[in-house]
Amino acid sequence: MKSRTVLGIAALAVALCVALTAHAQPDEARYAKYDFQKLMRAFDVSLRSDVPGIVESTIYNLVEYKSFFPDREYTRLVHSLSDVARSSTDSTIAYKASLAVMYLSYGTRLDDTSVFTPYNHETAFKVAADQLAKKFLLTRASE
């Protein structure tokens, strides 16, 4: 009877360790399984959507993706984002698209990737803007 209890506790501990390991995977693992070129085409199509929420979410997703994969090539999407920034009648989308252009062109990983939450996109944009401002202001001050 006692050996069954010990065996049950050991099995529970192993199951808990496996579950915690799967839950603790970084967000990079979530995106790593996707084909980069296919994902970029999907982002490009989404940026051309007539639905403002889709465009705004795509901009957020691009900032998040760039933060996890800063060394990838985003030139094609920078042009699409520039078009969105110029042509959008929604000032929020135009601002976020302009910020994303700067971030995709000059940014690196965000210092705090915990800002990427599905319920508060504005925090991620604020952190990206602050990080870019700090980068450019420090560059100017050191010249």
N, C-alpha and C. Protein backbone atom coordinates (compact mmCIF):
# COMPACT_ATOMS: atom_id res chain seq x y z
N MET A 1 0.82 -1.19 0.00
CA MET A 1 0.00 0.00 0.00
C MET A 1 0.87 1.27 0.00
N LYS A 2 1.92 1.24 0.83
CA LYS A 2 2.80 2.39 0.93
C LYS A 2 3.57 2.60 -0.37
N SER A 3 3.96 1.51 -1.06
CA SER A 3 4.68 1.64 -2.31
C SER A 3 3.80 2.23 -3.41
N ARG A 4 2.50 1.94 -3.39
CA ARG A 4 1.57 2.54 -4.36
C ARG A 4 1.47 4.05 -4.14
N THR A 5 1.45 4.47 -2.91
CA THR A 5 1.37 5.89 -2.60
C THR A 5 2.63 6.60 -3.08
N VAL A 6 3.78 6.01 -2.82
CA VAL A 6 5.05 6.59 -3.25
C VAL A 6 5.11 6.64 -4.77
N LEU A 7 4.66 5.54 -5.41
CA LEU A 7 4.64 5.50 -6.87
C LEU A 7 3.69 6.56 -7.44
N GLY A 8 2.54 6.73 -6.81
CA GLY A 8 1.57 7.74 -7.25
C GLY A 8 2.11 9.14 -7.11
N ILE A 9 2.80 9.42 -6.01
CA ILE A 9 3.39 10.74 -5.79
C ILE A 9 4.50 11.00 -6.81
N ALA A 10 5.30 9.98 -7.08
CA ALA A 10 6.37 10.12 -8.08
C ALA A 10 5.79 10.39 -9.47
N ALA A 11 4.74 9.67 -9.82
CA ALA A 11 4.09 9.88 -11.12
C ALA A 11 3.52 11.28 -11.22
N LEU A 12 2.91 11.75 -10.14
CA LEU A 12 2.35 13.10 -10.11
C LEU A 12 3.46 14.14 -10.24
N ALA A 13 4.59 13.91 -9.59
CA ALA A 13 5.71 14.85 -9.68
C ALA A 13 6.27 14.91 -11.10
N VAL A 14 6.39 13.76 -11.75
CA VAL A 14 6.88 13.74 -13.14
C VAL A 14 5.91 14.48 -14.05
N ALA A 15 4.62 14.21 -13.89
CA ALA A 15 3.60 14.88 -14.72
C ALA A 15 3.64 16.39 -14.50
N LEU A 16 3.80 16.82 -13.27
CA LEU A 16 3.87 18.25 -12.96
C LEU A 16 5.12 18.88 -13.59
N CYS A 17 6.25 18.19 -13.53
CA CYS A 17 7.48 18.71 -14.15
C CYS A 17 7.33 18.85 -15.66
N VAL A 18 6.72 17.87 -16.30
CA VAL A 18 6.51 17.93 -17.75
C VAL A 18 5.59 19.09 -18.10
N ALA A 19 4.51 19.25 -17.33
CA ALA A 19 3.57 20.34 -17.59
C ALA A 19 4.23 21.70 -17.41
N LEU A 20 5.02 21.86 -16.36
CA LEU A 20 5.69 23.13 -16.12
C LEU A 20 6.74 23.43 -17.18
N THR A 21 7.42 22.41 -17.66
CA THR A 21 8.42 22.61 -18.71
C THR A 21 7.74 23.07 -20.00
N ALA A 22 6.62 22.47 -20.33
CA ALA A 22 5.89 22.87 -21.55
C ALA A 22 5.35 24.28 -21.42
N HIS A 23 4.88 24.64 -20.24
CA HIS A 23 4.32 25.97 -20.02
C HIS A 23 5.41 27.04 -20.01
N ALA A 24 6.61 26.67 -19.59
CA ALA A 24 7.69 27.64 -19.44
C ALA A 24 8.45 27.91 -20.72
N GLN A 25 8.04 27.32 -21.84
CA GLN A 25 8.74 27.58 -23.09
C GLN A 25 8.62 29.05 -23.45
N PRO A 26 9.70 29.65 -23.93
CA PRO A 26 9.63 31.06 -24.31
C PRO A 26 8.74 31.25 -25.53
N ASP A 27 8.33 32.50 -25.74
CA ASP A 27 7.46 32.80 -26.86
C ASP A 27 8.12 32.55 -28.20
N GLU A 28 9.47 32.52 -28.24
CA GLU A 28 10.16 32.22 -29.49
C GLU A 28 9.74 30.85 -30.01
N ALA A 29 9.54 29.90 -29.10
CA ALA A 29 9.16 28.54 -29.50
C ALA A 29 7.79 28.53 -30.16
N ARG A 30 6.94 29.46 -29.74
CA ARG A 30 5.60 29.54 -30.32
C ARG A 30 5.67 29.91 -31.80
N TYR A 31 6.58 30.80 -32.17
CA TYR A 31 6.68 31.25 -33.55
C TYR A 31 7.67 30.46 -34.38
N ALA A 32 8.59 29.75 -33.74
CA ALA A 32 9.67 29.08 -34.46
C ALA A 32 9.17 28.02 -35.44
N LYS A 33 8.00 27.48 -35.20
CA LYS A 33 7.50 26.41 -36.06
C LYS A 33 6.91 26.92 -37.37
N TYR A 34 6.75 28.22 -37.51
CA TYR A 34 6.14 28.78 -38.71
C TYR A 34 7.16 29.02 -39.81
N ASP A 35 6.73 28.87 -41.04
CA ASP A 35 7.55 29.19 -42.21
C ASP A 35 7.61 30.72 -42.31
N PHE A 36 8.81 31.27 -42.21
CA PHE A 36 8.98 32.72 -42.15
C PHE A 36 8.39 33.42 -43.37
N GLN A 37 8.70 32.94 -44.57
CA GLN A 37 8.21 33.60 -45.79
C GLN A 37 6.69 33.55 -45.88
N LYS A 38 6.12 32.44 -45.51
CA LYS A 38 4.66 32.29 -45.53
C LYS A 38 4.02 33.24 -44.52
N LEU A 39 4.63 33.36 -43.35
CA LEU A 39 4.12 34.26 -42.33
C LEU A 39 4.23 35.71 -42.78
N MET A 40 5.32 36.07 -43.45
CA MET A 40 5.47 37.44 -43.94
C MET A 40 4.42 37.77 -45.00
N ARG A 41 4.10 36.80 -45.85
CA ARG A 41 3.03 37.02 -46.84
C ARG A 41 1.68 37.21 -46.15
N ALA A 42 1.43 36.44 -45.10
CA ALA A 42 0.18 36.59 -44.36
C ALA A 42 0.11 37.95 -43.68
N PHE A 43 1.23 38.41 -43.10
CA PHE A 43 1.26 39.74 -42.51
C PHE A 43 1.00 40.81 -43.57
N ASP A 44 1.60 40.65 -44.73
CA ASP A 44 1.44 41.62 -45.82
C ASP A 44 -0.02 41.71 -46.25
N VAL A 45 -0.68 40.57 -46.40
CA VAL A 45 -2.10 40.55 -46.79
C VAL A 45 -2.95 41.18 -45.69
N SER A 46 -2.65 40.87 -44.45
CA SER A 46 -3.43 41.42 -43.33
C SER A 46 -3.29 42.93 -43.22
N LEU A 47 -2.11 43.46 -43.56
CA LEU A 47 -1.93 44.91 -43.52
C LEU A 47 -2.78 45.63 -44.56
N ARG A 48 -3.19 44.93 -45.60
CA ARG A 48 -4.00 45.54 -46.65
C ARG A 48 -5.51 45.35 -46.42
N SER A 49 -5.87 44.81 -45.27
CA SER A 49 -7.27 44.56 -44.95
C SER A 49 -8.05 45.87 -44.80
N ASP A 50 -9.35 45.79 -45.08
CA ASP A 50 -10.23 46.94 -44.89
C ASP A 50 -10.73 47.05 -43.45
N VAL A 51 -10.46 46.04 -42.65
CA VAL A 51 -10.92 46.02 -41.27
C VAL A 51 -9.81 46.60 -40.37
N PRO A 52 -10.07 47.75 -39.73
CA PRO A 52 -9.02 48.40 -38.93
C PRO A 52 -8.46 47.51 -37.82
N GLY A 53 -9.29 46.70 -37.19
CA GLY A 53 -8.82 45.82 -36.12
C GLY A 53 -7.81 44.80 -36.60
N ILE A 54 -8.00 44.31 -37.81
CA ILE A 54 -7.04 43.35 -38.38
C ILE A 54 -5.72 44.03 -38.65
N VAL A 55 -5.76 45.23 -39.19
CA VAL A 55 -4.53 45.98 -39.49
C VAL A 55 -3.78 46.29 -38.19
N GLU A 56 -4.50 46.77 -37.19
CA GLU A 56 -3.87 47.13 -35.93
C GLU A 56 -3.28 45.89 -35.24
N SER A 57 -3.98 44.78 -35.26
CA SER A 57 -3.47 43.55 -34.67
C SER A 57 -2.25 43.04 -35.42
N THR A 58 -2.25 43.20 -36.72
CA THR A 58 -1.10 42.77 -37.52
C THR A 58 0.13 43.59 -37.18
N ILE A 59 -0.06 44.88 -37.00
CA ILE A 59 1.07 45.75 -36.62
C ILE A 59 1.64 45.29 -35.28
N TYR A 60 0.76 45.02 -34.32
CA TYR A 60 1.19 44.52 -33.01
C TYR A 60 1.95 43.20 -33.16
N ASN A 61 1.41 42.28 -33.96
CA ASN A 61 2.06 40.98 -34.16
C ASN A 61 3.43 41.13 -34.81
N LEU A 62 3.57 42.08 -35.69
CA LEU A 62 4.88 42.33 -36.32
C LEU A 62 5.90 42.84 -35.30
N VAL A 63 5.47 43.73 -34.43
CA VAL A 63 6.37 44.23 -33.39
C VAL A 63 6.78 43.08 -32.47
N GLU A 64 5.81 42.24 -32.12
CA GLU A 64 6.11 41.09 -31.27
C GLU A 64 7.07 40.13 -31.97
N TYR A 65 6.80 39.83 -33.22
CA TYR A 65 7.65 38.90 -33.98
C TYR A 65 9.07 39.44 -34.10
N LYS A 66 9.19 40.73 -34.39
CA LYS A 66 10.52 41.35 -34.52
C LYS A 66 11.27 41.27 -33.20
N SER A 67 10.56 41.40 -32.09
CA SER A 67 11.22 41.34 -30.80
C SER A 67 11.81 39.96 -30.52
N PHE A 68 11.15 38.92 -31.00
CA PHE A 68 11.65 37.57 -30.77
C PHE A 68 12.64 37.13 -31.85
N PHE A 69 12.54 37.70 -33.03
CA PHE A 69 13.43 37.34 -34.14
C PHE A 69 14.00 38.61 -34.76
N PRO A 70 14.89 39.32 -34.07
CA PRO A 70 15.36 40.62 -34.55
C PRO A 70 16.27 40.54 -35.78
N ASP A 71 16.82 39.38 -36.09
CA ASP A 71 17.77 39.29 -37.19
C ASP A 71 17.15 38.92 -38.52
N ARG A 72 15.85 38.74 -38.56
CA ARG A 72 15.20 38.38 -39.81
C ARG A 72 15.06 39.61 -40.70
N GLU A 73 14.74 39.38 -41.97
CA GLU A 73 14.62 40.46 -42.96
C GLU A 73 13.16 40.93 -43.04
N TYR A 74 12.92 42.20 -42.73
CA TYR A 74 11.57 42.76 -42.69
C TYR A 74 11.35 43.86 -43.72
N THR A 75 12.25 44.03 -44.67
CA THR A 75 12.19 45.13 -45.62
C THR A 75 10.86 45.20 -46.36
N ARG A 76 10.37 44.07 -46.82
CA ARG A 76 9.11 44.04 -47.56
C ARG A 76 7.95 44.58 -46.71
N LEU A 77 7.94 44.21 -45.44
CA LEU A 77 6.86 44.67 -44.57
C LEU A 77 7.04 46.13 -44.15
N VAL A 78 8.26 46.60 -44.12
CA VAL A 78 8.49 48.01 -43.82
C VAL A 78 7.81 48.87 -44.88
N HIS A 79 7.90 48.45 -46.14
CA HIS A 79 7.23 49.20 -47.22
C HIS A 79 5.71 49.14 -47.06
N SER A 80 5.18 48.00 -46.72
CA SER A 80 3.73 47.88 -46.52
C SER A 80 3.27 48.71 -45.34
N LEU A 81 4.05 48.70 -44.26
CA LEU A 81 3.71 49.52 -43.09
C LEU A 81 3.78 51.00 -43.41
N SER A 82 4.75 51.40 -44.22
CA SER A 82 4.85 52.81 -44.63
C SER A 82 3.61 53.22 -45.41
N ASP A 83 3.12 52.34 -46.27
CA ASP A 83 1.89 52.61 -47.02
C ASP A 83 0.71 52.77 -46.07
N VAL A 84 0.63 51.90 -45.06
CA VAL A 84 -0.46 51.99 -44.08
C VAL A 84 -0.35 53.31 -43.32
N ALA A 85 0.84 53.68 -42.91
CA ALA A 85 1.03 54.92 -42.15
C ALA A 85 0.62 56.14 -42.96
N ARG A 86 0.93 56.13 -44.25
CA ARG A 86 0.58 57.28 -45.11
C ARG A 86 -0.90 57.32 -45.46
N SER A 87 -1.50 56.17 -45.70
CA SER A 87 -2.85 56.15 -46.24
C SER A 87 -3.96 55.98 -45.21
N SER A 88 -3.63 55.62 -43.98
CA SER A 88 -4.67 55.37 -42.98
C SER A 88 -5.33 56.66 -42.54
N THR A 89 -6.65 56.63 -42.46
CA THR A 89 -7.40 57.77 -41.95
C THR A 89 -7.55 57.70 -40.43
N ASP A 90 -7.19 56.57 -39.86
CA ASP A 90 -7.23 56.37 -38.41
C ASP A 90 -5.87 56.78 -37.84
N SER A 91 -5.84 57.82 -37.03
CA SER A 91 -4.56 58.33 -36.53
C SER A 91 -3.84 57.32 -35.63
N THR A 92 -4.58 56.50 -34.91
CA THR A 92 -3.96 55.49 -34.06
C THR A 92 -3.21 54.46 -34.90
N ILE A 93 -3.85 53.99 -35.96
CA ILE A 93 -3.21 53.01 -36.84
C ILE A 93 -2.02 53.65 -37.55
N ALA A 94 -2.17 54.89 -38.00
CA ALA A 94 -1.07 55.58 -38.68
C ALA A 94 0.14 55.72 -37.75
N TYR A 95 -0.11 56.08 -36.49
CA TYR A 95 0.98 56.23 -35.53
C TYR A 95 1.64 54.88 -35.26
N LYS A 96 0.84 53.84 -35.01
CA LYS A 96 1.40 52.52 -34.71
C LYS A 96 2.17 51.96 -35.92
N ALA A 97 1.67 52.22 -37.10
CA ALA A 97 2.38 51.76 -38.31
C ALA A 97 3.71 52.50 -38.45
N SER A 98 3.72 53.81 -38.19
CA SER A 98 4.97 54.58 -38.25
C SER A 98 5.97 54.10 -37.21
N LEU A 99 5.48 53.84 -36.01
CA LEU A 99 6.34 53.32 -34.95
C LEU A 99 6.89 51.94 -35.34
N ALA A 100 6.04 51.10 -35.92
CA ALA A 100 6.48 49.77 -36.35
C ALA A 100 7.53 49.86 -37.46
N VAL A 101 7.39 50.83 -38.35
CA VAL A 101 8.40 51.04 -39.40
C VAL A 101 9.76 51.33 -38.75
N MET A 102 9.76 52.23 -37.78
CA MET A 102 11.01 52.57 -37.09
C MET A 102 11.55 51.36 -36.34
N TYR A 103 10.66 50.63 -35.67
CA TYR A 103 11.11 49.49 -34.88
C TYR A 103 11.64 48.36 -35.77
N LEU A 104 10.95 48.06 -36.87
CA LEU A 104 11.42 47.00 -37.76
C LEU A 104 12.72 47.41 -38.45
N SER A 105 12.91 48.69 -38.68
CA SER A 105 14.12 49.17 -39.35
C SER A 105 15.31 49.29 -38.41
N TYR A 106 15.08 49.76 -37.18
CA TYR A 106 16.18 50.10 -36.29
C TYR A 106 16.17 49.41 -34.93
N GLY A 107 15.09 48.74 -34.61
CA GLY A 107 14.96 48.15 -33.29
C GLY A 107 15.60 46.78 -33.18
N THR A 108 15.70 46.34 -31.95
CA THR A 108 16.17 45.00 -31.63
C THR A 108 15.14 44.38 -30.70
N ARG A 109 15.54 43.41 -29.94
CA ARG A 109 14.61 42.82 -28.97
C ARG A 109 14.15 43.89 -27.98
N LEU A 110 12.89 43.81 -27.59
CA LEU A 110 12.45 44.69 -26.52
C LEU A 110 13.08 44.21 -25.23
N ASP A 111 13.42 45.14 -24.38
CA ASP A 111 14.06 44.78 -23.12
C ASP A 111 13.17 43.90 -22.25
N ASP A 112 11.87 44.11 -22.35
CA ASP A 112 10.93 43.36 -21.52
C ASP A 112 9.88 42.72 -22.43
N THR A 113 10.04 41.45 -22.75
CA THR A 113 9.09 40.78 -23.65
C THR A 113 7.81 40.37 -22.93
N SER A 114 7.73 40.61 -21.62
CA SER A 114 6.49 40.29 -20.91
C SER A 114 5.39 41.29 -21.25
N VAL A 115 5.72 42.34 -22.00
CA VAL A 115 4.71 43.33 -22.38
C VAL A 115 3.78 42.79 -23.47
N PHE A 116 4.13 41.67 -24.06
CA PHE A 116 3.30 41.10 -25.11
C PHE A 116 2.19 40.26 -24.49
N THR A 117 1.09 40.93 -24.22
CA THR A 117 -0.07 40.24 -23.66
C THR A 117 -1.24 40.46 -24.59
N PRO A 118 -2.13 39.50 -24.69
CA PRO A 118 -3.24 39.65 -25.63
C PRO A 118 -4.25 40.72 -25.24
N TYR A 119 -4.19 41.21 -24.01
CA TYR A 119 -5.22 42.14 -23.55
C TYR A 119 -4.75 43.58 -23.45
N ASN A 120 -3.48 43.84 -23.68
CA ASN A 120 -2.97 45.20 -23.54
C ASN A 120 -1.86 45.44 -24.56
N HIS A 121 -2.25 45.74 -25.78
CA HIS A 121 -1.27 45.96 -26.84
C HIS A 121 -0.53 47.28 -26.67
N GLU A 122 -1.17 48.26 -26.06
CA GLU A 122 -0.58 49.59 -25.97
C GLU A 122 0.73 49.58 -25.19
N THR A 123 0.85 48.71 -24.20
CA THR A 123 2.07 48.65 -23.41
C THR A 123 3.26 48.27 -24.29
N ALA A 124 3.07 47.32 -25.18
CA ALA A 124 4.15 46.90 -26.07
C ALA A 124 4.58 48.06 -26.98
N PHE A 125 3.62 48.81 -27.50
CA PHE A 125 3.96 49.95 -28.36
C PHE A 125 4.69 51.03 -27.56
N LYS A 126 4.27 51.25 -26.32
CA LYS A 126 4.94 52.25 -25.48
C LYS A 126 6.38 51.84 -25.19
N VAL A 127 6.59 50.57 -24.87
CA VAL A 127 7.94 50.10 -24.58
C VAL A 127 8.81 50.21 -25.84
N ALA A 128 8.26 49.86 -27.00
CA ALA A 128 9.01 49.98 -28.26
C ALA A 128 9.37 51.44 -28.53
N ALA A 129 8.41 52.35 -28.33
CA ALA A 129 8.67 53.78 -28.55
C ALA A 129 9.72 54.30 -27.58
N ASP A 130 9.62 53.91 -26.32
CA ASP A 130 10.60 54.35 -25.31
C ASP A 130 12.00 53.83 -25.63
N GLN A 131 12.06 52.57 -26.05
CA GLN A 131 13.36 51.98 -26.36
C GLN A 131 13.99 52.64 -27.58
N LEU A 132 13.18 52.95 -28.60
CA LEU A 132 13.71 53.64 -29.77
C LEU A 132 14.17 55.05 -29.41
N ALA A 133 13.36 55.75 -28.61
CA ALA A 133 13.73 57.11 -28.20
C ALA A 133 15.04 57.09 -27.42
N LYS A 134 15.18 56.14 -26.52
CA LYS A 134 16.42 56.04 -25.73
C LYS A 134 17.61 55.75 -26.65
N LYS A 135 17.41 54.87 -27.62
CA LYS A 135 18.49 54.51 -28.54
C LYS A 135 18.94 55.73 -29.35
N PHE A 136 17.99 56.48 -29.89
CA PHE A 136 18.35 57.63 -30.72
C PHE A 136 18.87 58.79 -29.88
N LEU A 137 18.33 59.01 -28.71
CA LEU A 137 18.82 60.10 -27.87
C LEU A 137 20.22 59.81 -27.35
N LEU A 138 20.48 58.55 -26.98
CA LEU A 138 21.83 58.20 -26.53
C LEU A 138 22.83 58.28 -27.67
N THR A 139 22.41 57.95 -28.87
CA THR A 139 23.29 58.04 -30.03
C THR A 139 23.67 59.49 -30.27
N ARG A 140 22.72 60.38 -30.22
CA ARG A 140 22.99 61.80 -30.44
C ARG A 140 23.87 62.39 -29.33
N ALA A 141 23.61 61.98 -28.09
CA ALA A 141 24.36 62.53 -26.96
C ALA A 141 25.81 62.08 -26.98
N SER A 142 26.09 60.94 -27.57
CA SER A 142 27.46 60.42 -27.53
C SER A 142 28.30 60.89 -28.72
N GLU A 143 27.71 61.62 -29.66
CA GLU A 143 28.47 62.11 -30.82
C GLU A 143 29.28 63.34 -30.48
